[in-house]
């Protein structure tokens, strides 16, 4: 006597094929969803890059102007440019 599935039910092999096919299809759907999320994030980053390009151009212009003016700035020994943190403010010592 052999053990076999009734004729109206699929065999174990067919059930496993169906289950694995469903798992693969669900995996592909998840992969597609994650790929779409990644694409949206990349588009956001690309948009931010365009927004900051204007600001970067402004700072580049400022840097070029400051570089061209640098020989005109006459600093005494040990002093820095005010506003850059290198400027030393001397205070008068109070005499009593």
Protein backbone atom coordinates (compact mmCIF):
# COMPACT_ATOMS: atom_id res chain seq x y z
CA UNK A 1 0.00 0.00 0.00
CA UNK A 2 1.50 3.32 -1.04
CA UNK A 3 0.88 6.67 0.56
CA UNK A 4 -0.26 9.24 -1.96
CA UNK A 5 -2.35 12.36 -1.93
CA UNK A 6 -5.98 12.10 -2.93
CA UNK A 7 -6.52 12.99 -6.58
CA UNK A 8 -8.31 16.27 -5.81
CA UNK A 9 -5.43 17.63 -3.63
CA UNK A 10 -2.07 18.79 -5.01
CA UNK A 11 1.01 16.78 -4.08
CA UNK A 12 3.51 17.96 -1.44
CA UNK A 13 5.90 18.99 -4.23
CA UNK A 14 3.23 21.13 -5.92
CA UNK A 15 2.33 22.74 -2.58
CA UNK A 16 5.99 23.60 -1.91
CA UNK A 17 6.41 25.01 -5.42
CA UNK A 18 3.35 27.23 -4.89
CA UNK A 19 4.54 28.35 -1.45
CA UNK A 20 8.05 29.16 -2.66
CA UNK A 21 6.69 30.96 -5.73
CA UNK A 22 4.48 33.09 -3.47
CA UNK A 23 7.47 33.85 -1.18
CA UNK A 24 9.57 34.91 -4.16
CA UNK A 25 6.77 37.12 -5.53
CA UNK A 26 6.35 38.80 -2.13
CA UNK A 27 10.12 39.32 -1.93
CA UNK A 28 10.11 40.98 -5.34
CA UNK A 29 7.24 43.27 -4.30
CA UNK A 30 9.14 44.28 -1.16
CA UNK A 31 12.28 44.88 -3.24
CA UNK A 32 10.31 47.05 -5.65
CA UNK A 33 8.83 49.09 -2.80
CA UNK A 34 12.25 49.63 -1.21
CA UNK A 35 13.71 50.57 -4.60
CA UNK A 36 10.97 53.20 -5.03
CA UNK A 37 11.74 54.62 -1.57
CA UNK A 38 15.44 54.78 -2.48
CA UNK A 39 14.66 56.58 -5.73
CA UNK A 40 12.52 59.17 -3.92
CA UNK A 41 15.31 59.79 -1.39
CA UNK A 42 17.87 60.19 -4.18
CA UNK A 43 15.58 62.70 -5.92
CA UNK A 44 15.28 64.65 -2.64
CA UNK A 45 19.07 64.73 -2.25
CA UNK A 46 19.47 65.86 -5.85
CA UNK A 47 16.93 68.65 -5.26
CA UNK A 48 18.76 69.79 -2.13
CA UNK A 49 22.01 69.88 -4.10
CA UNK A 50 20.40 72.28 -6.57
CA UNK A 51 19.11 74.47 -3.74
CA UNK A 52 22.54 74.75 -2.15
CA UNK A 53 24.28 75.49 -5.47
CA UNK A 54 23.11 79.12 -5.31
CA UNK A 55 24.43 79.52 -1.78
CA UNK A 56 27.72 77.88 -2.73
CA UNK A 57 28.10 80.29 -5.66
CA UNK A 58 27.49 83.22 -3.32
CA UNK A 59 30.18 82.03 -0.89
CA UNK A 60 32.58 81.36 -3.78
CA UNK A 61 32.10 84.96 -4.97
CA UNK A 62 32.65 86.24 -1.43
CA UNK A 63 35.83 84.15 -1.12
CA UNK A 64 37.16 85.46 -4.43
CA UNK A 65 36.50 89.08 -3.41
CA UNK A 66 38.19 88.52 -0.05
CA UNK A 67 41.15 86.81 -1.71
CA UNK A 68 41.57 89.75 -4.08
CA UNK A 69 41.39 92.22 -1.15
CA UNK A 70 43.83 90.30 1.03
CA UNK A 71 46.99 92.22 -0.05
CA UNK A 72 45.24 95.48 0.84
CA UNK A 73 44.64 94.39 4.45
CA UNK A 74 47.51 95.65 6.56
CA UNK A 75 47.77 93.71 9.78
CA UNK A 76 50.28 94.33 12.49
CA UNK A 77 52.30 91.44 13.80
CA UNK A 78 50.22 89.08 15.95
CA UNK A 79 46.84 90.49 14.97
CA UNK A 80 44.16 88.71 13.05
CA UNK A 81 41.23 89.84 10.99
CA UNK A 82 38.36 91.05 13.21
CA UNK A 83 35.44 88.64 13.22
CA UNK A 84 37.52 85.55 12.44
CA UNK A 85 38.56 84.69 15.97
CA UNK A 86 42.18 85.64 15.35
CA UNK A 87 41.78 89.27 16.35
CA UNK A 88 43.23 90.06 19.77
CA UNK A 89 41.56 92.79 21.74
CA UNK A 90 43.93 94.35 24.24
CA UNK A 91 42.44 95.59 27.43
CA UNK A 92 43.90 98.33 29.51
CA UNK A 93 45.04 97.22 32.93
CA UNK A 94 43.43 99.31 35.60
CA UNK A 95 45.96 101.05 37.77
CA UNK A 96 45.13 101.81 41.31
